C-alpha atoms as a PDB file:
ATOM      1  CA  MET A   1      13.976  17.944  15.402  1.00  0.00           C
ATOM      2  CA  PRO A   2      14.429  19.002  11.780  1.00  0.00           C
ATOM      3  CA  HIS A   3      11.271  18.969   9.696  1.00  0.00           C
ATOM      4  CA  ALA A   4      12.508  16.151   7.429  1.00  0.00           C
ATOM      5  CA  PHE A   5      13.069  13.894  10.434  1.00  0.00           C
ATOM      6  CA  THR A   6       9.610  14.466  11.937  1.00  0.00           C
ATOM      7  CA  ALA A   7       8.016  14.181   8.499  1.00  0.00           C
ATOM      8  CA  ALA A   8       9.663  10.789   7.950  1.00  0.00           C
ATOM      9  CA  ALA A   9       8.432   9.580  11.339  1.00  0.00           C
ATOM     10  CA  ALA A  10       4.915  10.872  10.699  1.00  0.00           C
ATOM     11  CA  ASP A  11       4.791   9.155   7.318  1.00  0.00           C
ATOM     12  CA  LEU A  12       5.755   5.784   8.811  1.00  0.00           C
ATOM     13  CA  GLU A  13       3.206   6.136  11.598  1.00  0.00           C
ATOM     14  CA  ALA A  14       0.468   7.070   9.135  1.00  0.00           C
ATOM     15  CA  ARG A  15       1.229   3.924   7.134  1.00  0.00           C
ATOM     16  CA  GLY A  16       1.379   1.744  10.236  1.00  0.00           C
ATOM     17  CA  ILE A  17       5.034   0.806   9.737  1.00  0.00           C
ATOM     18  CA  PRO A  18       7.056   0.133  12.912  1.00  0.00           C
ATOM     19  CA  TYR A  19      10.374   1.932  13.171  1.00  0.00           C
ATOM     20  CA  VAL A  20      13.282   2.629  15.489  1.00  0.00           C
ATOM     21  CA  THR A  21      14.696   6.014  16.432  1.00  0.00           C
ATOM     22  CA  ALA A  22      18.454   5.743  16.956  1.00  0.00           C
ATOM     23  CA  THR A  23      20.094   8.538  18.961  1.00  0.00           C
ATOM     24  CA  VAL A  24      23.835   8.899  19.506  1.00  0.00           C
ATOM     25  CA  VAL A  25      24.205   9.636  23.227  1.00  0.00           C
ATOM     26  CA  ARG A  26      27.959   9.321  23.761  1.00  0.00           C
ATOM     27  CA  VAL A  27      31.027   9.590  21.539  1.00  0.00           C
ATOM     28  CA  VAL A  28      34.677   8.833  22.177  1.00  0.00           C
ATOM     29  CA  PRO A  29      36.654  10.551  19.371  1.00  0.00           C
ATOM     30  CA  PRO A  30      37.629   9.999  16.696  1.00  0.00           C
ATOM     31  CA  ALA A  31      34.189   9.227  15.264  1.00  0.00           C
ATOM     32  CA  SER A  32      32.069  10.552  12.421  1.00  0.00           C
ATOM     33  CA  ALA A  33      28.964  10.791  14.619  1.00  0.00           C
ATOM     34  CA  ARG A  34      28.275  13.438  17.238  1.00  0.00           C
ATOM     35  CA  PRO A  35      26.139  13.329  20.395  1.00  0.00           C
ATOM     36  CA  GLY A  36      22.569  14.080  19.411  1.00  0.00           C
ATOM     37  CA  ASP A  37      22.789  12.670  15.896  1.00  0.00           C
ATOM     38  CA  LYS A  38      19.617  10.767  15.064  1.00  0.00           C
ATOM     39  CA  ALA A  39      18.303   8.341  12.491  1.00  0.00           C
ATOM     40  CA  ILE A  40      15.043   6.590  11.711  1.00  0.00           C
ATOM     41  CA  LEU A  41      15.305   2.956  10.659  1.00  0.00           C
ATOM     42  CA  THR A  42      12.833   0.244   9.711  1.00  0.00           C
ATOM     43  CA  ARG A  43      13.393  -3.471   9.196  1.00  0.00           C
ATOM     44  CA  ASP A  44      14.210  -2.609   5.599  1.00  0.00           C
ATOM     45  CA  GLY A  45      17.003  -0.205   6.502  1.00  0.00           C
ATOM     46  CA  LEU A  46      17.818   3.450   7.062  1.00  0.00           C
ATOM     47  CA  VAL A  47      14.997   5.871   6.296  1.00  0.00           C
ATOM     48  CA  HIS A  48      16.461   9.195   7.348  1.00  0.00           C
ATOM     49  CA  GLY A  49      19.280  10.587   9.478  1.00  0.00           C
ATOM     50  CA  TRP A  50      22.815   9.731  10.534  1.00  0.00           C
ATOM     51  CA  VAL A  51      24.341   7.609  13.310  1.00  0.00           C
ATOM     52  CA  GLY A  52      27.858   7.119  11.990  1.00  0.00           C
ATOM     53  CA  GLY A  53      29.746   5.773   9.041  1.00  0.00           C
ATOM     54  CA  SER A  54      30.413   2.402   7.524  1.00  0.00           C
ATOM     55  CA  CYS A  55      31.425   0.807  10.831  1.00  0.00           C
ATOM     56  CA  ALA A  56      28.607   2.000  13.088  1.00  0.00           C
ATOM     57  CA  GLU A  57      25.591   2.102  10.789  1.00  0.00           C
ATOM     58  CA  PRO A  58      25.557  -1.621   9.839  1.00  0.00           C
ATOM     59  CA  ILE A  59      25.627  -2.546  13.529  1.00  0.00           C
ATOM     60  CA  VAL A  60      22.723  -0.222  14.278  1.00  0.00           C
ATOM     61  CA  ARG A  61      20.808  -1.652  11.316  1.00  0.00           C
ATOM     62  CA  ALA A  62      21.391  -5.179  12.605  1.00  0.00           C
ATOM     63  CA  GLU A  63      19.904  -4.302  16.003  1.00  0.00           C
ATOM     64  CA  VAL A  64      16.681  -2.834  14.597  1.00  0.00           C
ATOM     65  CA  ALA A  65      14.843  -6.128  14.070  1.00  0.00           C
ATOM     66  CA  ALA A  66      15.626  -7.288  17.610  1.00  0.00           C
ATOM     67  CA  VAL A  67      14.399  -4.008  19.088  1.00  0.00           C
ATOM     68  CA  LEU A  68      11.160  -4.151  17.092  1.00  0.00           C
ATOM     69  CA  ASP A  69      10.575  -7.808  17.972  1.00  0.00           C
ATOM     70  CA  ALA A  70      11.111  -7.159  21.667  1.00  0.00           C
ATOM     71  CA  GLY A  71       9.189  -3.885  21.604  1.00  0.00           C
ATOM     72  CA  GLU A  72      11.679  -2.469  24.074  1.00  0.00           C
ATOM     73  CA  ALA A  73      14.374   0.182  23.900  1.00  0.00           C
ATOM     74  CA  ARG A  74      18.027  -0.753  24.285  1.00  0.00           C
ATOM     75  CA  LEU A  75      21.401   0.920  24.591  1.00  0.00           C
ATOM     76  CA  ILE A  76      24.221  -0.324  22.405  1.00  0.00           C
ATOM     77  CA  CYS A  77      27.905   0.440  22.732  1.00  0.00           C
ATOM     78  CA  ILE A  78      30.206   0.154  19.730  1.00  0.00           C
ATOM     79  CA  THR A  79      33.767   0.139  21.001  1.00  0.00           C
ATOM     80  CA  PRO A  80      37.195  -1.334  20.183  1.00  0.00           C
ATOM     81  CA  THR A  81      37.369  -2.644  23.774  1.00  0.00           C
ATOM     82  CA  ALA A  82      34.160  -4.639  23.672  1.00  0.00           C
ATOM     83  CA  GLU A  83      35.577  -7.486  25.722  1.00  0.00           C
ATOM     84  CA  GLU A  84      35.969  -5.176  28.721  1.00  0.00           C
ATOM     85  CA  LEU A  85      32.240  -4.364  28.741  1.00  0.00           C
ATOM     86  CA  ALA A  86      30.867  -7.772  27.805  1.00  0.00           C
ATOM     87  CA  GLY A  87      28.110  -8.940  30.119  1.00  0.00           C
ATOM     88  CA  ARG A  88      27.340  -5.504  31.535  1.00  0.00           C
ATOM     89  CA  SER A  89      23.652  -5.329  32.464  1.00  0.00           C
ATOM     90  CA  GLY A  90      21.480  -3.093  30.294  1.00  0.00           C
ATOM     91  CA  LEU A  91      24.112  -2.678  27.610  1.00  0.00           C
ATOM     92  CA  VAL A  92      24.513  -4.479  24.272  1.00  0.00           C
ATOM     93  CA  VAL A  93      28.165  -4.357  23.253  1.00  0.00           C
ATOM     94  CA  HIS A  94      29.585  -4.590  19.738  1.00  0.00           C
ATOM     95  CA  THR A  95      33.167  -4.430  18.560  1.00  0.00           C
ATOM     96  CA  MET A  96      34.151  -1.320  16.637  1.00  0.00           C
ATOM     97  CA  THR A  97      35.824  -2.508  13.448  1.00  0.00           C
ATOM     98  CA  CYS A  98      37.077   0.854  12.197  1.00  0.00           C
ATOM     99  CA  PHE A  99      40.808   1.540  12.526  1.00  0.00           C
ATOM    100  CA  SER A 100      40.139   4.992  13.991  1.00  0.00           C
ATOM    101  CA  GLY A 101      39.633   3.506  17.437  1.00  0.00           C
ATOM    102  CA  GLY A 102      36.675   5.664  18.440  1.00  0.00           C
ATOM    103  CA  ALA A 103      33.557   4.510  20.252  1.00  0.00           C
ATOM    104  CA  ILE A 104      29.881   5.493  20.296  1.00  0.00           C
ATOM    105  CA  ASP A 105      26.836   4.674  22.387  1.00  0.00           C
ATOM    106  CA  VAL A 106      23.495   4.621  20.600  1.00  0.00           C
ATOM    107  CA  TYR A 107      20.053   4.540  22.201  1.00  0.00           C
ATOM    108  CA  LEU A 108      17.485   2.616  20.140  1.00  0.00           C
ATOM    109  CA  GLU A 109      13.807   3.314  20.798  1.00  0.00           C
ATOM    110  CA  PRO A 110      11.011   1.460  18.970  1.00  0.00           C
ATOM    111  CA  THR A 111       7.802   3.061  17.796  1.00  0.00           C
ATOM    112  CA  LEU A 112       5.159   0.439  17.159  1.00  0.00           C
ATOM    113  CA  PRO A 113       1.869   1.266  15.430  1.00  0.00           C
ATOM    114  CA  SER A 114      -1.293   0.746  17.408  1.00  0.00           C
ATOM    115  CA  ASP A 115      -3.205  -2.426  16.658  1.00  0.00           C
ATOM    116  CA  GLN A 116      -5.584  -2.275  13.709  1.00  0.00           C
ATOM    117  CA  LEU A 117      -9.227  -3.279  13.508  1.00  0.00           C
ATOM    118  CA  VAL A 118     -10.715  -3.935  10.077  1.00  0.00           C
ATOM    119  CA  VAL A 119     -14.515  -4.000  10.119  1.00  0.00           C
ATOM    120  CA  PHE A 120     -16.509  -5.245   7.137  1.00  0.00           C
ATOM    121  CA  GLY A 121     -20.158  -4.276   6.741  1.00  0.00           C
ATOM    122  CA  ARG A 122     -22.543  -1.459   7.604  1.00  0.00           C
ATOM    123  CA  SER A 123     -24.735  -3.274  10.112  1.00  0.00           C
ATOM    124  CA  PRO A 124     -25.392  -1.805  13.564  1.00  0.00           C
ATOM    125  CA  VAL A 125     -22.806  -4.185  15.014  1.00  0.00           C
ATOM    126  CA  ALA A 126     -20.232  -3.051  12.440  1.00  0.00           C
ATOM    127  CA  LEU A 127     -20.812   0.598  13.293  1.00  0.00           C
ATOM    128  CA  ALA A 128     -20.643  -0.129  17.026  1.00  0.00           C
ATOM    129  CA  LEU A 129     -17.363  -1.998  16.488  1.00  0.00           C
ATOM    130  CA  CYS A 130     -15.879   0.978  14.639  1.00  0.00           C
ATOM    131  CA  GLU A 131     -16.779   3.303  17.495  1.00  0.00           C
ATOM    132  CA  LEU A 132     -15.590   0.960  20.244  1.00  0.00           C
ATOM    133  CA  GLY A 133     -12.391   0.057  18.403  1.00  0.00           C
ATOM    134  CA  ALA A 134     -11.482   3.716  17.956  1.00  0.00           C
ATOM    135  CA  PHE A 135     -12.237   4.388  21.626  1.00  0.00           C
ATOM    136  CA  MET A 136      -9.885   1.540  22.590  1.00  0.00           C
ATOM    137  CA  GLY A 137      -7.081   3.058  20.543  1.00  0.00           C
ATOM    138  CA  TYR A 138      -7.212   0.784  17.511  1.00  0.00           C
ATOM    139  CA  ARG A 139      -6.590   2.132  14.031  1.00  0.00           C
ATOM    140  CA  VAL A 140      -9.922   1.359  12.433  1.00  0.00           C
ATOM    141  CA  GLN A 141     -10.451   0.594   8.753  1.00  0.00           C
ATOM    142  CA  HIS A 142     -14.130   0.409   7.862  1.00  0.00           C
ATOM    143  CA  VAL A 143     -15.175  -1.467   4.723  1.00  0.00           C
ATOM    144  CA  PRO A 144     -18.935  -0.858   4.436  1.00  0.00           C
ATOM    145  CA  GLU A 145     -19.413  -2.294   0.941  1.00  0.00           C
ATOM    146  CA  ALA A 146     -17.701  -4.887  -1.232  1.00  0.00           C
ATOM    147  CA  GLU A 147     -16.468  -2.182  -3.582  1.00  0.00           C
ATOM    148  CA  ALA A 148     -14.567  -0.556  -0.721  1.00  0.00           C
ATOM    149  CA  MET A 149     -12.336  -3.606  -0.335  1.00  0.00           C
ATOM    150  CA  GLU A 150     -10.194  -2.185  -3.128  1.00  0.00           C
ATOM    151  CA  SER A 151      -9.263   0.725  -0.851  1.00  0.00           C
ATOM    152  CA  LEU A 152      -7.960  -1.487   1.962  1.00  0.00           C
ATOM    153  CA  THR A 153      -4.406  -0.559   2.858  1.00  0.00           C
ATOM    154  CA  ALA A 154      -1.768  -3.159   3.631  1.00  0.00           C
ATOM    155  CA  PHE A 155      -1.576  -4.205   7.260  1.00  0.00           C
ATOM    156  CA  GLU A 156       0.688  -6.076   9.625  1.00  0.00           C
ATOM    157  CA  PRO A 157      -1.079  -9.439  10.224  1.00  0.00           C
ATOM    158  CA  SER A 158       0.193  -9.874  13.785  1.00  0.00           C
ATOM    159  CA  GLN A 159      -1.279  -6.502  14.753  1.00  0.00           C
ATOM    160  CA  THR A 160      -4.577  -6.710  12.895  1.00  0.00           C
ATOM    161  CA  ALA A 161      -7.976  -8.044  13.902  1.00  0.00           C
ATOM    162  CA  ALA A 162     -10.735  -8.372  11.327  1.00  0.00           C
ATOM    163  CA  VAL A 163     -14.462  -8.690  11.941  1.00  0.00           C
ATOM    164  CA  VAL A 164     -16.939  -9.512   9.188  1.00  0.00           C
ATOM    165  CA  ALA A 165     -20.353  -8.101  10.059  1.00  0.00           C
ATOM    166  CA  THR A 166     -21.852  -7.980   6.567  1.00  0.00           C
ATOM    167  CA  HIS A 167     -24.776 -10.350   7.201  1.00  0.00           C
ATOM    168  CA  GLY A 168     -24.374 -12.179   3.925  1.00  0.00           C
ATOM    169  CA  ASN A 169     -23.662  -9.336   1.531  1.00  0.00           C
ATOM    170  CA  PHE A 170     -19.972 -10.048   0.845  1.00  0.00           C
ATOM    171  CA  ASP A 171     -18.920 -12.103   3.829  1.00  0.00           C
ATOM    172  CA  ALA A 172     -17.246 -14.874   1.812  1.00  0.00           C
ATOM    173  CA  ASP A 173     -15.129 -12.366  -0.122  1.00  0.00           C
ATOM    174  CA  ALA A 174     -14.176 -10.548   3.081  1.00  0.00           C
ATOM    175  CA  LEU A 175     -13.201 -13.783   4.821  1.00  0.00           C
ATOM    176  CA  HIS A 176     -11.148 -14.939   1.844  1.00  0.00           C
ATOM    177  CA  HIS A 177      -9.276 -11.626   1.965  1.00  0.00           C
ATOM    178  CA  VAL A 178      -8.418 -11.591   5.665  1.00  0.00           C
ATOM    179  CA  LEU A 179      -7.612 -15.303   5.811  1.00  0.00           C
ATOM    180  CA  GLY A 180      -5.289 -14.835   2.876  1.00  0.00           C
ATOM    181  CA  VAL A 181      -3.228 -12.184   4.644  1.00  0.00           C
ATOM    182  CA  GLY A 182      -3.296 -13.912   8.034  1.00  0.00           C
ATOM    183  CA  ALA A 183      -4.941 -11.465  10.445  1.00  0.00           C
ATOM    184  CA  CYS A 184      -4.331 -12.450  14.069  1.00  0.00           C
ATOM    185  CA  TYR A 185      -8.080 -12.537  14.752  1.00  0.00           C
ATOM    186  CA  VAL A 186     -10.891 -13.215  12.302  1.00  0.00           C
ATOM    187  CA  GLY A 187     -14.472 -12.982  13.539  1.00  0.00           C
ATOM    188  CA  LEU A 188     -17.760 -13.525  11.722  1.00  0.00           C
ATOM    189  CA  VAL A 189     -20.957 -12.037  13.143  1.00  0.00           C
ATOM    190  CA  CYS A 190     -23.546 -14.727  12.536  1.00  0.00           C
ATOM    191  CA  SER A 191     -25.740 -17.376  14.068  1.00  0.00           C
ATOM    192  CA  PRO A 192     -24.203 -20.795  14.808  1.00  0.00           C
ATOM    193  CA  LYS A 193     -26.115 -22.270  11.859  1.00  0.00           C
ATOM    194  CA  ARG A 194     -24.822 -19.677   9.407  1.00  0.00           C
ATOM    195  CA  GLY A 195     -21.321 -19.994  10.839  1.00  0.00           C
ATOM    196  CA  ALA A 196     -21.288 -23.711  10.046  1.00  0.00           C
ATOM    197  CA  ALA A 197     -22.633 -23.059   6.539  1.00  0.00           C
ATOM    198  CA  MET A 198     -19.976 -20.424   5.883  1.00  0.00           C
ATOM    199  CA  ARG A 199     -17.182 -22.746   7.012  1.00  0.00           C
ATOM    200  CA  GLN A 200     -18.481 -25.390   4.611  1.00  0.00           C
ATOM    201  CA  ARG A 201     -18.612 -22.864   1.766  1.00  0.00           C
ATOM    202  CA  LEU A 202     -15.040 -21.768   2.440  1.00  0.00           C
ATOM    203  CA  ALA A 203     -13.897 -25.382   2.655  1.00  0.00           C
ATOM    204  CA  ASP A 204     -15.496 -26.020  -0.739  1.00  0.00           C
ATOM    205  CA  ASP A 205     -13.516 -23.031  -2.027  1.00  0.00           C
ATOM    206  CA  GLY A 206     -10.279 -24.684  -0.919  1.00  0.00           C
ATOM    207  CA  VAL A 207      -9.681 -22.872   2.368  1.00  0.00           C
ATOM    208  CA  SER A 208      -7.466 -25.008   4.611  1.00  0.00           C
ATOM    209  CA  ASP A 209      -8.620 -26.605   7.869  1.00  0.00           C
ATOM    210  CA  GLU A 210      -6.109 -24.461   9.748  1.00  0.00           C
ATOM    211  CA  GLN A 211      -7.577 -21.267   8.310  1.00  0.00           C
ATOM    212  CA  LEU A 212     -11.125 -22.427   8.974  1.00  0.00           C
ATOM    213  CA  ALA A 213     -10.240 -23.146  12.595  1.00  0.00           C
ATOM    214  CA  ALA A 214      -8.999 -19.577  12.957  1.00  0.00           C
ATOM    215  CA  ILE A 215     -12.466 -18.138  12.295  1.00  0.00           C
ATOM    216  CA  ASP A 216     -14.348 -17.116  15.425  1.00  0.00           C
ATOM    217  CA  ALA A 217     -17.946 -17.775  14.363  1.00  0.00           C
ATOM    218  CA  PRO A 218     -20.200 -16.696  15.936  1.00  0.00           C
ATOM    219  CA  ALA A 219     -17.784 -13.933  16.915  1.00  0.00           C
ATOM    220  CA  GLY A 220     -17.479 -12.863  20.510  1.00  0.00           C
ATOM    221  CA  VAL A 221     -17.348 -14.055  24.085  1.00  0.00           C
ATOM    222  CA  HIS A 222     -20.554 -15.420  25.646  1.00  0.00           C
ATOM    223  CA  LEU A 223     -21.808 -12.440  27.667  1.00  0.00           C
ATOM    224  CA  GLY A 224     -25.523 -12.654  27.039  1.00  0.00           C
ATOM    225  CA  ALA A 225     -25.151  -9.637  24.748  1.00  0.00           C
ATOM    226  CA  ARG A 226     -28.341  -8.289  23.166  1.00  0.00           C
ATOM    227  CA  THR A 227     -27.738  -4.818  21.748  1.00  0.00           C
ATOM    228  CA  PRO A 228     -25.274  -4.002  18.925  1.00  0.00           C
ATOM    229  CA  GLN A 229     -23.078  -2.210  21.451  1.00  0.00           C
ATOM    230  CA  GLU A 230     -23.053  -5.210  23.786  1.00  0.00           C
ATOM    231  CA  VAL A 231     -22.242  -7.562  20.926  1.00  0.00           C
ATOM    232  CA  ALA A 232     -19.384  -5.223  19.962  1.00  0.00           C
ATOM    233  CA  VAL A 233     -18.055  -5.442  23.533  1.00  0.00           C
ATOM    234  CA  SER A 234     -18.181  -9.242  23.419  1.00  0.00           C
ATOM    235  CA  ILE A 235     -16.285  -9.277  20.110  1.00  0.00           C
ATOM    236  CA  MET A 236     -13.637  -6.824  21.294  1.00  0.00           C
ATOM    237  CA  ALA A 237     -13.133  -9.049  24.346  1.00  0.00           C
ATOM    238  CA  SER A 238     -12.237 -11.868  21.947  1.00  0.00           C
ATOM    239  CA  VAL A 239      -9.953  -9.535  19.992  1.00  0.00           C
ATOM    240  CA  VAL A 240      -8.091  -8.549  23.155  1.00  0.00           C
ATOM    241  CA  ALA A 241      -7.763 -12.196  24.201  1.00  0.00           C
ATOM    242  CA  ALA A 242      -6.354 -13.117  20.788  1.00  0.00           C
ATOM    243  CA  ARG A 243      -3.821 -10.280  20.913  1.00  0.00           C
ATOM    244  CA  ARG A 244      -2.723 -11.326  24.418  1.00  0.00           C
ATOM    245  CA  GLY A 245      -2.610 -15.035  23.661  1.00  0.00           C
ATOM    246  CA  ARG A 246      -5.395 -15.881  26.063  1.00  0.00           C
ATOM    247  CA  GLN A 247      -8.153 -18.467  25.770  1.00  0.00           C
ATOM    248  CA  VAL A 248     -11.747 -17.356  26.233  1.00  0.00           C
ATOM    249  CA  SER A 249     -15.094 -19.116  26.474  1.00  0.00           C
ATOM    250  CA  SER A 250     -15.999 -20.923  23.289  1.00  0.00           C
ATOM    251  CA  GLU A 251     -19.711 -20.478  23.919  1.00  0.00           C
ATOM    252  CA  PRO A 252     -21.369 -18.319  21.266  1.00  0.00           C
ATOM    253  CA  VAL A 253     -23.029 -14.987  21.759  1.00  0.00           C
ATOM    254  CA  ASP A 254     -26.646 -15.418  22.909  1.00  0.00           C
ATOM    255  CA  ALA A 255     -28.536 -16.814  19.893  1.00  0.00           C
ATOM    256  CA  SER A 256     -31.528 -14.551  20.479  1.00  0.00           C
ATOM    257  CA  ALA A 257     -29.219 -11.545  20.477  1.00  0.00           C
ATOM    258  CA  THR A 258     -27.675 -12.614  17.186  1.00  0.00           C
ATOM    259  CA  GLU A 259     -31.098 -12.955  15.613  1.00  0.00           C
ATOM    260  CA  THR A 260     -32.303  -9.625  17.009  1.00  0.00           C
ATOM    261  CA  VAL A 261     -29.231  -7.727  15.876  1.00  0.00           C
ATOM    262  CA  THR A 262     -29.319  -9.377  12.456  1.00  0.00           C
ATOM    263  CA  GLU A 263     -32.984  -8.556  11.909  1.00  0.00           C
ATOM    264  CA  GLY A 264     -32.245  -4.918  12.624  1.00  0.00           C
ATOM    265  CA  ALA A 265     -29.152  -4.739  10.447  1.00  0.00           C
ATOM    266  CA  ALA A 266     -29.143  -2.021   7.835  1.00  0.00           C
ATOM    267  CA  SER A 267     -27.559  -4.407   5.360  1.00  0.00           C
ATOM    268  CA  GLY A 268     -30.311  -7.012   5.547  1.00  0.00           C
ATOM    269  CA  CYS A 269     -30.927 -10.347   7.229  1.00  0.00           C
ATOM    270  CA  CYS A 270     -28.908 -13.425   6.492  1.00  0.00           C
ATOM    271  CA  SER A 271     -28.638 -15.200   9.831  1.00  0.00           C
ATOM    272  CA  GLY A 272     -29.580 -18.553   8.329  1.00  0.00           C
END
């Protein structure tokens, strides 16, 4: 592929923006596109490349959102004889509106960014989460201190999980941030007592009941976890369940483990 094409794709992937690669695979002349022509498109429109003129490109643009939502590739046919192909399995047919009478087939392939894990804090659990998240293929953003929140890049809420493991240093600010942007999972590493106190503090700040209910506190599935690494596993189990729309045990992580991990946290103790 030409350098400009691969550079455009790399830039979108680095920024976590989903996109579709459109490739012209068949042409019935006359048409302005040629087999092998390619384009990169996002929900916002064409980024780079060429898949045809004023008749074909708007149709391709219109299909991008559906392809990204489904997360699956599709083949579209733009032809003046659309009625003859209607209902054909595996093919999405559109009517060619240009007077030229040509036809093209375009293969649309989505590229979706990997899920993102945002970890707040520099506690042992936070560091273990960063390591485990990266191992599981998540794009990890680590926010060790409150000042680092300014460097947070924008993220797609439906593909982002956030875990606050700050042990009282800036947990309220971190929770306000992630609840405001609507991360699909929000976990707070804490004891049950501190979790209840934090919910009350957020409620006093005007956080809605719906947002409060979205907080997993204490974060993680009840596994009897004791070490920071085991607690990280229990939290990632909850993250996976949230991403897959599954329900998990509502029992908290072992209270003694929470206290032990908190006491050993580099950022101090605030288990309440």
